[in-house]
Amino acid sequence: MYIPKNNEPVFLKKPLGILFLIFTSLLIMGCSANGTAEDDEPEAEDTADQSEQAILAVIEEEFNGPDEKYIAKWNAMEEAQVSEQYSEDYEAFLESPEYQELMSYMEETYASYFTENGYDNFINTTVAFTYSRFEHDYELTPSNIEITQSENGETLYDFTFDVEYTDQNGESEQFNFEGNAIVPEEGKIGQIEYLDDLEDGLLEQLRSDEQK
């Protein structure tokens, strides 16, 4: 039994103990919250790093070119499509070895960097390998790739890069690109776009040089 000292009021005993317990609990919760925030920060950075790596890989794949393997498989597919065996049977053409090999190569090159819908959109809408589809001799090399996470959302990224184009005469010219990407899953792109000047851009230069 607690015996109050001198003139100490008995009713002070329990409130002081309760206050001590509350203070201790708040201190522990504060430490736990700080620890959780610190633990979450590296995880967020890892997610951003993996997403940026996916964007970087797509840019490097698309603009290190032209892709000779893709060209060979594309040409084989086109020949098969107009052949007597498949020219009047499109469904059979879609099952042909030439078409399947092209689809497999495209998937091996890009699918791991995208969500399922993102990959389908990139292949069918953005048109992957666009800068490898020209017949004249040329070389493409990307550089100065800068990727930043947008202030408007953790899944949004902006980027810029340069592409050096060397034509069939060995003359080089640099083209500037900018673009954006949505990365809804860690390291998986949902959508990516890169902008090329329609009048004086790389794509127009490739088209012009192919006609020479």
N, C-alpha and C. Protein backbone atom coordinates (compact mmCIF):
# COMPACT_ATOMS: atom_id res chain seq x y z
N MET A 1 0.86 -1.20 0.00
CA MET A 1 0.00 0.00 0.00
C MET A 1 0.88 1.23 0.00
N TYR A 2 0.50 2.20 -0.85
CA TYR A 2 1.29 3.42 -0.94
C TYR A 2 0.95 4.35 0.21
N ILE A 3 1.98 4.84 0.87
CA ILE A 3 1.80 5.77 2.00
C ILE A 3 2.34 7.11 1.57
N PRO A 4 1.50 8.14 1.52
CA PRO A 4 1.96 9.47 1.08
C PRO A 4 2.98 10.02 2.03
N LYS A 5 3.94 10.71 1.40
CA LYS A 5 5.00 11.30 2.20
C LYS A 5 4.57 12.67 2.69
N ASN A 6 4.83 12.94 3.90
CA ASN A 6 4.53 14.23 4.51
C ASN A 6 3.13 14.68 4.14
N ASN A 7 3.07 15.79 3.38
CA ASN A 7 1.75 16.35 3.03
C ASN A 7 1.38 16.08 1.56
N GLU A 8 2.01 15.07 0.91
CA GLU A 8 1.74 14.76 -0.51
C GLU A 8 0.31 14.27 -0.67
N PRO A 9 -0.48 14.89 -1.53
CA PRO A 9 -1.86 14.44 -1.76
C PRO A 9 -1.87 13.06 -2.41
N VAL A 10 -2.72 12.18 -1.94
CA VAL A 10 -2.79 10.82 -2.47
C VAL A 10 -3.23 10.83 -3.92
N PHE A 11 -4.09 11.75 -4.36
CA PHE A 11 -4.65 11.72 -5.72
C PHE A 11 -3.62 12.06 -6.79
N LEU A 12 -2.41 12.51 -6.45
CA LEU A 12 -1.38 12.81 -7.44
C LEU A 12 -0.68 11.55 -7.97
N LYS A 13 -0.75 10.48 -7.23
CA LYS A 13 0.00 9.27 -7.57
C LYS A 13 -0.36 8.74 -8.96
N LYS A 14 -1.64 8.43 -9.20
CA LYS A 14 -2.06 7.81 -10.47
C LYS A 14 -1.93 8.75 -11.67
N PRO A 15 -2.35 10.02 -11.55
CA PRO A 15 -2.17 10.92 -12.71
C PRO A 15 -0.74 11.05 -13.15
N LEU A 16 0.20 11.11 -12.22
CA LEU A 16 1.61 11.21 -12.61
C LEU A 16 2.06 9.96 -13.35
N GLY A 17 1.61 8.82 -12.89
CA GLY A 17 1.97 7.56 -13.56
C GLY A 17 1.39 7.49 -14.96
N ILE A 18 0.14 7.93 -15.10
CA ILE A 18 -0.50 7.91 -16.42
C ILE A 18 0.21 8.85 -17.39
N LEU A 19 0.57 10.03 -16.92
CA LEU A 19 1.29 10.98 -17.76
C LEU A 19 2.62 10.42 -18.23
N PHE A 20 3.29 9.71 -17.34
CA PHE A 20 4.57 9.10 -17.70
C PHE A 20 4.38 8.07 -18.80
N LEU A 21 3.33 7.25 -18.68
CA LEU A 21 3.07 6.22 -19.68
C LEU A 21 2.72 6.84 -21.03
N ILE A 22 1.91 7.92 -21.01
CA ILE A 22 1.55 8.59 -22.25
C ILE A 22 2.78 9.17 -22.94
N PHE A 23 3.64 9.81 -22.17
CA PHE A 23 4.85 10.41 -22.70
C PHE A 23 5.74 9.34 -23.34
N THR A 24 5.89 8.21 -22.66
CA THR A 24 6.73 7.11 -23.16
C THR A 24 6.16 6.56 -24.46
N SER A 25 4.83 6.39 -24.52
CA SER A 25 4.19 5.85 -25.72
C SER A 25 4.38 6.78 -26.91
N LEU A 26 4.20 8.08 -26.66
CA LEU A 26 4.39 9.04 -27.76
C LEU A 26 5.82 9.04 -28.26
N LEU A 27 6.77 8.90 -27.35
CA LEU A 27 8.18 8.87 -27.74
C LEU A 27 8.47 7.66 -28.61
N ILE A 28 7.92 6.51 -28.24
CA ILE A 28 8.14 5.28 -29.01
C ILE A 28 7.49 5.40 -30.38
N MET A 29 6.25 5.95 -30.42
CA MET A 29 5.56 6.10 -31.70
C MET A 29 6.30 7.05 -32.62
N GLY A 30 6.86 8.10 -32.05
CA GLY A 30 7.62 9.05 -32.85
C GLY A 30 8.84 8.41 -33.47
N CYS A 31 9.53 7.61 -32.68
CA CYS A 31 10.72 6.91 -33.19
C CYS A 31 10.33 5.93 -34.28
N SER A 32 9.20 5.21 -34.07
CA SER A 32 8.75 4.24 -35.06
C SER A 32 8.37 4.92 -36.36
N ALA A 33 7.68 6.07 -36.25
CA ALA A 33 7.27 6.80 -37.46
C ALA A 33 8.48 7.27 -38.24
N ASN A 34 9.49 7.78 -37.53
CA ASN A 34 10.72 8.23 -38.20
C ASN A 34 11.41 7.08 -38.88
N GLY A 35 11.43 5.94 -38.19
CA GLY A 35 12.08 4.77 -38.76
C GLY A 35 11.38 4.30 -40.01
N THR A 36 10.02 4.32 -39.98
CA THR A 36 9.25 3.90 -41.15
C THR A 36 9.47 4.83 -42.32
N ALA A 37 9.47 6.14 -42.06
CA ALA A 37 9.69 7.11 -43.13
C ALA A 37 11.06 6.92 -43.75
N GLU A 38 12.06 6.66 -42.91
CA GLU A 38 13.42 6.46 -43.42
C GLU A 38 13.49 5.18 -44.22
N ASP A 39 12.76 4.13 -43.76
CA ASP A 39 12.77 2.87 -44.48
C ASP A 39 12.07 2.99 -45.82
N ASP A 40 10.98 3.80 -45.89
CA ASP A 40 10.22 3.94 -47.12
C ASP A 40 10.98 4.73 -48.17
N GLU A 41 11.85 5.66 -47.73
CA GLU A 41 12.55 6.53 -48.67
C GLU A 41 13.44 5.76 -49.64
N PRO A 42 14.28 4.80 -49.17
CA PRO A 42 15.08 4.03 -50.13
C PRO A 42 14.22 3.22 -51.09
N GLU A 43 13.07 2.73 -50.60
CA GLU A 43 12.20 1.95 -51.46
C GLU A 43 11.65 2.81 -52.59
N ALA A 44 11.25 4.05 -52.27
CA ALA A 44 10.76 4.97 -53.30
C ALA A 44 11.87 5.29 -54.30
N GLU A 45 13.08 5.46 -53.81
CA GLU A 45 14.22 5.75 -54.70
C GLU A 45 14.50 4.55 -55.61
N ASP A 46 14.40 3.33 -55.06
CA ASP A 46 14.63 2.13 -55.87
C ASP A 46 13.60 2.04 -56.98
N THR A 47 12.33 2.34 -56.66
CA THR A 47 11.27 2.31 -57.67
C THR A 47 11.55 3.30 -58.78
N ALA A 48 11.94 4.53 -58.40
CA ALA A 48 12.26 5.55 -59.39
C ALA A 48 13.44 5.12 -60.25
N ASP A 49 14.46 4.54 -59.61
CA ASP A 49 15.64 4.10 -60.36
C ASP A 49 15.27 3.04 -61.40
N GLN A 50 14.46 2.06 -61.00
CA GLN A 50 14.07 1.00 -61.92
C GLN A 50 13.20 1.54 -63.06
N SER A 51 12.35 2.49 -62.75
CA SER A 51 11.51 3.09 -63.78
C SER A 51 12.36 3.89 -64.77
N GLU A 52 13.32 4.63 -64.25
CA GLU A 52 14.22 5.39 -65.12
C GLU A 52 15.06 4.46 -65.98
N GLN A 53 15.47 3.34 -65.41
CA GLN A 53 16.26 2.37 -66.17
C GLN A 53 15.45 1.79 -67.32
N ALA A 54 14.15 1.57 -67.10
CA ALA A 54 13.29 1.04 -68.17
C ALA A 54 13.18 2.06 -69.31
N ILE A 55 12.98 3.31 -68.96
CA ILE A 55 12.89 4.37 -69.97
C ILE A 55 14.20 4.49 -70.74
N LEU A 56 15.30 4.47 -70.00
CA LEU A 56 16.63 4.56 -70.62
C LEU A 56 16.84 3.41 -71.60
N ALA A 57 16.46 2.21 -71.20
CA ALA A 57 16.66 1.03 -72.06
C ALA A 57 15.88 1.15 -73.36
N VAL A 58 14.65 1.64 -73.28
CA VAL A 58 13.83 1.79 -74.49
C VAL A 58 14.44 2.82 -75.44
N ILE A 59 14.89 3.93 -74.91
CA ILE A 59 15.51 4.96 -75.75
C ILE A 59 16.76 4.40 -76.43
N GLU A 60 17.58 3.70 -75.67
CA GLU A 60 18.81 3.15 -76.24
C GLU A 60 18.52 2.07 -77.28
N GLU A 61 17.51 1.26 -77.04
CA GLU A 61 17.16 0.22 -78.01
C GLU A 61 16.65 0.84 -79.30
N GLU A 62 15.82 1.86 -79.17
CA GLU A 62 15.18 2.44 -80.34
C GLU A 62 16.13 3.28 -81.18
N PHE A 63 17.09 3.93 -80.52
CA PHE A 63 17.92 4.89 -81.24
C PHE A 63 19.39 4.47 -81.40
N ASN A 64 19.73 3.26 -81.03
CA ASN A 64 21.00 2.67 -81.44
C ASN A 64 20.69 1.84 -82.67
N GLY A 65 20.97 2.37 -83.82
CA GLY A 65 20.48 1.66 -84.99
C GLY A 65 21.19 2.03 -86.28
N PRO A 66 20.62 1.49 -87.34
CA PRO A 66 19.41 0.67 -87.36
C PRO A 66 19.65 -0.74 -86.83
N ASP A 67 18.58 -1.38 -86.37
CA ASP A 67 18.66 -2.73 -85.82
C ASP A 67 18.65 -3.73 -86.98
N GLU A 68 19.80 -4.31 -87.26
CA GLU A 68 19.94 -5.19 -88.43
C GLU A 68 19.12 -6.47 -88.29
N LYS A 69 19.03 -7.01 -87.08
CA LYS A 69 18.22 -8.23 -86.88
C LYS A 69 16.75 -7.95 -87.16
N TYR A 70 16.29 -6.79 -86.68
CA TYR A 70 14.90 -6.44 -86.92
C TYR A 70 14.64 -6.28 -88.42
N ILE A 71 15.55 -5.60 -89.11
CA ILE A 71 15.39 -5.38 -90.56
C ILE A 71 15.28 -6.71 -91.30
N ALA A 72 16.15 -7.64 -90.96
CA ALA A 72 16.15 -8.95 -91.63
C ALA A 72 14.83 -9.68 -91.39
N LYS A 73 14.35 -9.65 -90.17
CA LYS A 73 13.10 -10.35 -89.84
C LYS A 73 11.90 -9.63 -90.45
N TRP A 74 11.95 -8.30 -90.50
CA TRP A 74 10.87 -7.53 -91.12
C TRP A 74 10.79 -7.84 -92.62
N ASN A 75 11.95 -7.87 -93.29
CA ASN A 75 11.97 -8.15 -94.72
C ASN A 75 11.46 -9.56 -95.01
N ALA A 76 11.85 -10.51 -94.17
CA ALA A 76 11.38 -11.88 -94.35
C ALA A 76 9.87 -11.96 -94.17
N MET A 77 9.35 -11.22 -93.21
CA MET A 77 7.90 -11.19 -92.97
C MET A 77 7.17 -10.61 -94.17
N GLU A 78 7.71 -9.51 -94.74
CA GLU A 78 7.06 -8.88 -95.89
C GLU A 78 7.03 -9.81 -97.10
N GLU A 79 8.13 -10.53 -97.30
CA GLU A 79 8.19 -11.47 -98.42
C GLU A 79 7.17 -12.59 -98.23
N ALA A 80 7.04 -13.06 -97.02
CA ALA A 80 6.07 -14.13 -96.75
C ALA A 80 4.64 -13.64 -96.97
N GLN A 81 4.38 -12.40 -96.60
CA GLN A 81 3.02 -11.87 -96.69
C GLN A 81 2.51 -11.82 -98.13
N VAL A 82 3.41 -11.52 -99.08
CA VAL A 82 2.98 -11.41 -100.49
C VAL A 82 3.23 -12.71 -101.26
N SER A 83 3.70 -13.73 -100.60
CA SER A 83 3.95 -15.01 -101.29
C SER A 83 2.64 -15.70 -101.63
N GLU A 84 2.68 -16.65 -102.56
CA GLU A 84 1.49 -17.39 -102.95
C GLU A 84 0.88 -18.14 -101.78
N GLN A 85 1.73 -18.56 -100.86
CA GLN A 85 1.26 -19.36 -99.72
C GLN A 85 0.35 -18.57 -98.78
N TYR A 86 0.64 -17.26 -98.65
CA TYR A 86 -0.10 -16.48 -97.64
C TYR A 86 -0.84 -15.26 -98.20
N SER A 87 -0.64 -14.90 -99.45
CA SER A 87 -1.20 -13.66 -99.98
C SER A 87 -2.73 -13.60 -99.89
N GLU A 88 -3.38 -14.75 -99.95
CA GLU A 88 -4.84 -14.76 -99.90
C GLU A 88 -5.37 -15.41 -98.61
N ASP A 89 -4.48 -15.64 -97.68
CA ASP A 89 -4.90 -16.27 -96.41
C ASP A 89 -4.19 -15.56 -95.26
N TYR A 90 -4.81 -14.46 -94.82
CA TYR A 90 -4.17 -13.63 -93.79
C TYR A 90 -4.03 -14.37 -92.46
N GLU A 91 -5.02 -15.16 -92.12
CA GLU A 91 -4.96 -15.91 -90.86
C GLU A 91 -3.78 -16.88 -90.86
N ALA A 92 -3.55 -17.51 -91.99
CA ALA A 92 -2.41 -18.42 -92.10
C ALA A 92 -1.10 -17.65 -92.03
N PHE A 93 -1.09 -16.45 -92.62
CA PHE A 93 0.11 -15.61 -92.57
C PHE A 93 0.48 -15.27 -91.12
N LEU A 94 -0.52 -14.98 -90.29
CA LEU A 94 -0.26 -14.63 -88.89
C LEU A 94 0.36 -15.80 -88.12
N GLU A 95 0.17 -17.00 -88.63
CA GLU A 95 0.77 -18.18 -88.00
C GLU A 95 2.07 -18.60 -88.66
N SER A 96 2.49 -17.87 -89.68
CA SER A 96 3.70 -18.24 -90.43
C SER A 96 4.95 -18.08 -89.56
N PRO A 97 5.99 -18.86 -89.83
CA PRO A 97 7.25 -18.74 -89.08
C PRO A 97 7.85 -17.34 -89.17
N GLU A 98 7.74 -16.71 -90.34
CA GLU A 98 8.34 -15.40 -90.53
C GLU A 98 7.66 -14.34 -89.64
N TYR A 99 6.34 -14.39 -89.61
CA TYR A 99 5.61 -13.42 -88.78
C TYR A 99 5.85 -13.69 -87.30
N GLN A 100 5.82 -14.93 -86.90
CA GLN A 100 6.02 -15.29 -85.50
C GLN A 100 7.43 -14.94 -85.02
N GLU A 101 8.42 -15.11 -85.88
CA GLU A 101 9.80 -14.76 -85.51
C GLU A 101 9.95 -13.25 -85.31
N LEU A 102 9.29 -12.47 -86.15
CA LEU A 102 9.33 -11.02 -85.99
C LEU A 102 8.68 -10.60 -84.68
N MET A 103 7.50 -11.16 -84.41
CA MET A 103 6.80 -10.82 -83.17
C MET A 103 7.62 -11.23 -81.94
N SER A 104 8.26 -12.38 -82.01
CA SER A 104 9.07 -12.86 -80.89
C SER A 104 10.27 -11.95 -80.64
N TYR A 105 10.88 -11.50 -81.72
CA TYR A 105 12.04 -10.62 -81.57
C TYR A 105 11.63 -9.28 -80.97
N MET A 106 10.52 -8.74 -81.40
CA MET A 106 10.04 -7.48 -80.85
C MET A 106 9.72 -7.63 -79.36
N GLU A 107 9.11 -8.75 -79.02
CA GLU A 107 8.77 -9.01 -77.62
C GLU A 107 10.03 -9.16 -76.77
N GLU A 108 11.00 -9.90 -77.28
CA GLU A 108 12.26 -10.09 -76.54
C GLU A 108 12.98 -8.75 -76.33
N THR A 109 12.86 -7.86 -77.29
CA THR A 109 13.56 -6.58 -77.23
C THR A 109 12.90 -5.61 -76.25
N TYR A 110 11.56 -5.57 -76.23
CA TYR A 110 10.89 -4.49 -75.51
C TYR A 110 9.93 -4.91 -74.38
N ALA A 111 9.36 -6.09 -74.44
CA ALA A 111 8.24 -6.42 -73.54
C ALA A 111 8.59 -6.30 -72.06
N SER A 112 9.81 -6.62 -71.68
CA SER A 112 10.19 -6.62 -70.26
C SER A 112 10.18 -5.22 -69.65
N TYR A 113 10.16 -4.18 -70.48
CA TYR A 113 10.19 -2.81 -69.98
C TYR A 113 8.79 -2.19 -69.85
N PHE A 114 7.75 -2.96 -70.24
CA PHE A 114 6.40 -2.41 -70.30
C PHE A 114 5.40 -3.25 -69.52
N THR A 115 4.29 -2.60 -69.16
CA THR A 115 3.12 -3.35 -68.74
C THR A 115 2.57 -4.05 -69.98
N GLU A 116 1.65 -4.97 -69.78
CA GLU A 116 1.10 -5.69 -70.94
C GLU A 116 0.42 -4.73 -71.91
N ASN A 117 -0.43 -3.85 -71.39
CA ASN A 117 -1.10 -2.89 -72.26
C ASN A 117 -0.12 -1.87 -72.82
N GLY A 118 0.87 -1.50 -72.01
CA GLY A 118 1.87 -0.55 -72.47
C GLY A 118 2.66 -1.09 -73.64
N TYR A 119 2.99 -2.37 -73.59
CA TYR A 119 3.74 -2.99 -74.69
C TYR A 119 2.90 -3.02 -75.97
N ASP A 120 1.65 -3.44 -75.84
CA ASP A 120 0.77 -3.49 -77.02
C ASP A 120 0.64 -2.10 -77.64
N ASN A 121 0.50 -1.09 -76.81
CA ASN A 121 0.37 0.28 -77.31
C ASN A 121 1.65 0.74 -78.00
N PHE A 122 2.79 0.39 -77.43
CA PHE A 122 4.08 0.79 -77.99
C PHE A 122 4.32 0.14 -79.36
N ILE A 123 3.95 -1.11 -79.45
CA ILE A 123 4.17 -1.84 -80.71
C ILE A 123 3.19 -1.38 -81.79
N ASN A 124 1.94 -1.17 -81.42
CA ASN A 124 0.90 -0.92 -82.41
C ASN A 124 0.61 0.55 -82.68
N THR A 125 0.88 1.42 -81.69
CA THR A 125 0.55 2.83 -81.85
C THR A 125 1.79 3.69 -82.03
N THR A 126 2.70 3.60 -81.07
CA THR A 126 3.94 4.37 -81.17
C THR A 126 4.79 3.85 -82.32
N VAL A 127 4.63 2.61 -82.65
CA VAL A 127 5.35 1.92 -83.72
C VAL A 127 6.84 1.80 -83.39
N ALA A 128 7.16 0.73 -82.68
CA ALA A 128 8.54 0.45 -82.32
C ALA A 128 9.39 0.22 -83.57
N PHE A 129 10.67 0.49 -83.46
CA PHE A 129 11.64 0.31 -84.55
C PHE A 129 11.39 1.26 -85.72
N THR A 130 10.65 2.34 -85.48
CA THR A 130 10.37 3.30 -86.56
C THR A 130 11.65 3.78 -87.23
N TYR A 131 12.69 4.02 -86.44
CA TYR A 131 13.91 4.62 -86.98
C TYR A 131 14.87 3.58 -87.57
N SER A 132 14.39 2.32 -87.64
CA SER A 132 15.20 1.28 -88.27
C SER A 132 14.62 0.85 -89.61
N ARG A 133 13.60 1.53 -90.09
CA ARG A 133 12.87 1.05 -91.26
C ARG A 133 13.25 1.75 -92.56
N PHE A 134 14.48 2.19 -92.67
CA PHE A 134 14.91 2.88 -93.88
C PHE A 134 16.01 2.07 -94.55
N GLU A 135 16.02 2.08 -95.87
CA GLU A 135 16.85 1.15 -96.63
C GLU A 135 18.25 1.66 -96.94
N HIS A 136 18.49 2.96 -96.85
CA HIS A 136 19.82 3.45 -97.16
C HIS A 136 20.77 3.23 -95.98
N ASP A 137 22.06 3.38 -96.23
CA ASP A 137 23.05 3.18 -95.17
C ASP A 137 23.08 4.39 -94.24
N TYR A 138 22.97 4.13 -92.97
CA TYR A 138 23.04 5.20 -91.97
C TYR A 138 23.28 4.60 -90.59
N GLU A 139 23.56 5.47 -89.66
CA GLU A 139 23.83 5.03 -88.28
C GLU A 139 23.24 6.03 -87.29
N LEU A 140 22.67 5.51 -86.23
CA LEU A 140 22.08 6.35 -85.19
C LEU A 140 22.75 6.04 -83.85
N THR A 141 23.03 7.10 -83.08
CA THR A 141 23.63 6.93 -81.76
C THR A 141 23.02 7.93 -80.79
N PRO A 142 22.36 7.44 -79.71
CA PRO A 142 21.79 8.36 -78.72
C PRO A 142 22.83 8.83 -77.71
N SER A 143 22.62 10.00 -77.15
CA SER A 143 23.53 10.53 -76.13
C SER A 143 22.79 11.56 -75.27
N ASN A 144 23.46 11.98 -74.20
CA ASN A 144 22.93 13.03 -73.31
C ASN A 144 21.50 12.75 -72.85
N ILE A 145 21.25 11.52 -72.48
CA ILE A 145 19.90 11.13 -72.04
C ILE A 145 19.69 11.59 -70.60
N GLU A 146 18.70 12.43 -70.38
CA GLU A 146 18.38 12.93 -69.05
C GLU A 146 16.92 12.63 -68.73
N ILE A 147 16.70 11.93 -67.62
CA ILE A 147 15.36 11.50 -67.22
C ILE A 147 15.07 12.04 -65.83
N THR A 148 13.93 12.70 -65.66
CA THR A 148 13.57 13.25 -64.36
C THR A 148 12.14 12.86 -64.01
N GLN A 149 11.93 12.60 -62.74
CA GLN A 149 10.59 12.31 -62.25
C GLN A 149 9.80 13.62 -62.17
N SER A 150 8.61 13.63 -62.72
CA SER A 150 7.81 14.84 -62.79
C SER A 150 7.30 15.26 -61.41
N GLU A 151 7.17 16.55 -61.21
CA GLU A 151 6.61 17.07 -59.96
C GLU A 151 5.10 16.84 -59.89
N ASN A 152 4.50 16.48 -61.01
CA ASN A 152 3.05 16.30 -61.06
C ASN A 152 2.60 14.91 -60.63
N GLY A 153 3.53 14.00 -60.41
CA GLY A 153 3.14 12.66 -59.98
C GLY A 153 4.32 11.71 -59.99
N GLU A 154 4.31 10.73 -59.08
CA GLU A 154 5.44 9.80 -58.97
C GLU A 154 5.55 8.87 -60.16
N THR A 155 4.47 8.67 -60.89
CA THR A 155 4.51 7.75 -62.03
C THR A 155 4.82 8.45 -63.35
N LEU A 156 5.00 9.78 -63.30
CA LEU A 156 5.23 10.57 -64.51
C LEU A 156 6.70 10.95 -64.64
N TYR A 157 7.23 10.81 -65.85
CA TYR A 157 8.64 11.11 -66.09
C TYR A 157 8.77 11.96 -67.36
N ASP A 158 9.69 12.91 -67.32
CA ASP A 158 10.05 13.70 -68.49
C ASP A 158 11.50 13.38 -68.86
N PHE A 159 11.81 13.48 -70.13
CA PHE A 159 13.19 13.19 -70.54
C PHE A 159 13.57 13.95 -71.80
N THR A 160 14.85 14.13 -71.97
CA THR A 160 15.41 14.72 -73.18
C THR A 160 16.62 13.89 -73.60
N PHE A 161 16.92 13.89 -74.87
CA PHE A 161 18.13 13.20 -75.36
C PHE A 161 18.47 13.70 -76.75
N ASP A 162 19.68 13.41 -77.16
CA ASP A 162 20.16 13.76 -78.50
C ASP A 162 20.41 12.49 -79.29
N VAL A 163 20.28 12.59 -80.59
CA VAL A 163 20.60 11.46 -81.47
C VAL A 163 21.51 11.96 -82.58
N GLU A 164 22.67 11.32 -82.71
CA GLU A 164 23.58 11.66 -83.80
C GLU A 164 23.26 10.77 -84.99
N TYR A 165 22.98 11.41 -86.11
CA TYR A 165 22.65 10.71 -87.35
C TYR A 165 23.81 10.84 -88.33
N THR A 166 24.33 9.71 -88.78
CA THR A 166 25.40 9.69 -89.76
C THR A 166 24.85 9.10 -91.05
N ASP A 167 24.87 9.87 -92.13
CA ASP A 167 24.24 9.41 -93.38
C ASP A 167 25.17 8.55 -94.21
N GLN A 168 24.73 8.19 -95.41
CA GLN A 168 25.48 7.28 -96.27
C GLN A 168 26.79 7.88 -96.75
N ASN A 169 26.94 9.19 -96.64
CA ASN A 169 28.18 9.85 -97.05
C ASN A 169 29.13 10.08 -95.88
N GLY A 170 28.74 9.61 -94.70
CA GLY A 170 29.60 9.77 -93.53
C GLY A 170 29.44 11.12 -92.84
N GLU A 171 28.47 11.92 -93.28
CA GLU A 171 28.24 13.21 -92.67
C GLU A 171 27.28 13.06 -91.48
N SER A 172 27.61 13.74 -90.38
CA SER A 172 26.83 13.59 -89.15
C SER A 172 26.06 14.86 -88.79
N GLU A 173 24.91 14.66 -88.18
CA GLU A 173 24.08 15.76 -87.70
C GLU A 173 23.40 15.33 -86.41
N GLN A 174 23.22 16.27 -85.51
CA GLN A 174 22.61 15.94 -84.21
C GLN A 174 21.17 16.45 -84.16
N PHE A 175 20.29 15.60 -83.62
CA PHE A 175 18.88 15.94 -83.48
C PHE A 175 18.49 15.84 -82.00
N ASN A 176 17.65 16.79 -81.59
CA ASN A 176 17.24 16.85 -80.19
C ASN A 176 15.83 16.30 -80.02
N PHE A 177 15.67 15.51 -78.99
CA PHE A 177 14.37 14.91 -78.68
C PHE A 177 13.96 15.27 -77.27
N GLU A 178 12.65 15.30 -77.05
CA GLU A 178 12.10 15.40 -75.71
C GLU A 178 10.88 14.48 -75.64
N GLY A 179 10.56 14.03 -74.46
CA GLY A 179 9.43 13.13 -74.35
C GLY A 179 8.97 12.96 -72.92
N ASN A 180 8.00 12.08 -72.76
CA ASN A 180 7.48 11.79 -71.43
C ASN A 180 7.01 10.35 -71.36
N ALA A 181 6.89 9.86 -70.16
CA ALA A 181 6.48 8.47 -69.96
C ALA A 181 5.63 8.37 -68.70
N ILE A 182 4.72 7.40 -68.71
CA ILE A 182 3.94 7.04 -67.53
C ILE A 182 4.39 5.64 -67.12
N VAL A 183 4.78 5.50 -65.86
CA VAL A 183 5.29 4.21 -65.37
C VAL A 183 4.43 3.81 -64.16
N PRO A 184 3.30 3.15 -64.39
CA PRO A 184 2.37 2.84 -63.31
C PRO A 184 2.83 1.73 -62.38
N GLU A 185 3.75 0.89 -62.86
CA GLU A 185 4.30 -0.18 -62.04
C GLU A 185 5.81 -0.03 -61.99
N GLU A 186 6.40 -0.57 -60.96
CA GLU A 186 7.84 -0.45 -60.77
C GLU A 186 8.60 -1.02 -61.97
N GLY A 187 9.29 -0.14 -62.70
CA GLY A 187 10.09 -0.57 -63.83
C GLY A 187 9.28 -1.02 -65.03
N LYS A 188 7.98 -0.71 -65.08
CA LYS A 188 7.11 -1.13 -66.18
C LYS A 188 6.41 0.10 -66.77
N ILE A 189 6.73 0.41 -68.01
CA ILE A 189 6.18 1.59 -68.68
C ILE A 189 4.76 1.31 -69.17
N GLY A 190 3.87 2.25 -68.89
CA GLY A 190 2.51 2.15 -69.41
C GLY A 190 2.34 2.90 -70.71
N GLN A 191 3.10 3.97 -70.85
CA GLN A 191 3.04 4.79 -72.07
C GLN A 191 4.33 5.60 -72.19
N ILE A 192 4.83 5.71 -73.41
CA ILE A 192 6.01 6.52 -73.65
C ILE A 192 5.87 7.23 -74.98
N GLU A 193 6.26 8.49 -75.02
CA GLU A 193 6.21 9.29 -76.23
C GLU A 193 7.50 10.10 -76.34
N TYR A 194 8.05 10.18 -77.54
CA TYR A 194 9.19 11.07 -77.76
C TYR A 194 8.90 11.89 -79.00
N LEU A 195 9.18 13.16 -78.92
CA LEU A 195 8.79 14.11 -79.95
C LEU A 195 9.95 14.46 -80.86
N ASP A 196 9.70 14.37 -82.15
CA ASP A 196 10.68 14.73 -83.17
C ASP A 196 10.08 15.84 -84.01
N ASP A 197 10.86 16.84 -84.31
CA ASP A 197 10.36 17.96 -85.11
C ASP A 197 9.83 17.43 -86.45
N LEU A 198 8.57 17.71 -86.74
CA LEU A 198 7.94 17.16 -87.93
C LEU A 198 8.56 17.67 -89.23
N GLU A 199 9.04 18.90 -89.24
CA GLU A 199 9.57 19.49 -90.48
C GLU A 199 11.08 19.32 -90.62
N ASP A 200 11.79 19.50 -89.51
CA ASP A 200 13.25 19.45 -89.58
C ASP A 200 13.84 18.36 -88.69
N GLY A 201 13.05 17.40 -88.34
CA GLY A 201 13.49 16.37 -87.41
C GLY A 201 14.20 15.21 -88.08
N LEU A 202 14.60 14.27 -87.25
CA LEU A 202 15.35 13.10 -87.72
C LEU A 202 14.53 12.25 -88.68
N LEU A 203 13.28 12.04 -88.35
CA LEU A 203 12.44 11.19 -89.19
C LEU A 203 12.31 11.76 -90.60
N GLU A 204 12.13 13.04 -90.70
CA GLU A 204 12.02 13.69 -92.01
C GLU A 204 13.34 13.62 -92.76
N GLN A 205 14.46 13.73 -92.04
CA GLN A 205 15.78 13.63 -92.67
C GLN A 205 16.02 12.23 -93.22
N LEU A 206 15.61 11.23 -92.47
CA LEU A 206 15.74 9.84 -92.93
C LEU A 206 14.92 9.60 -94.20
N ARG A 207 13.72 10.12 -94.22
CA ARG A 207 12.86 9.97 -95.39
C ARG A 207 13.47 10.67 -96.60
N SER A 208 14.01 11.84 -96.37
CA SER A 208 14.59 12.60 -97.46
C SER A 208 15.82 11.90 -98.03
N ASP A 209 16.69 11.41 -97.15
CA ASP A 209 17.92 10.76 -97.60
C ASP A 209 17.64 9.43 -98.28
N GLU A 210 16.57 8.77 -97.91
CA GLU A 210 16.24 7.49 -98.54
C GLU A 210 15.85 7.67 -100.01
N GLN A 211 15.34 8.83 -100.35
CA GLN A 211 14.91 9.09 -101.72
C GLN A 211 16.04 9.57 -102.63
N LYS A 212 17.21 9.82 -102.07
CA LYS A 212 18.33 10.31 -102.87
C LYS A 212 18.94 9.20 -103.70
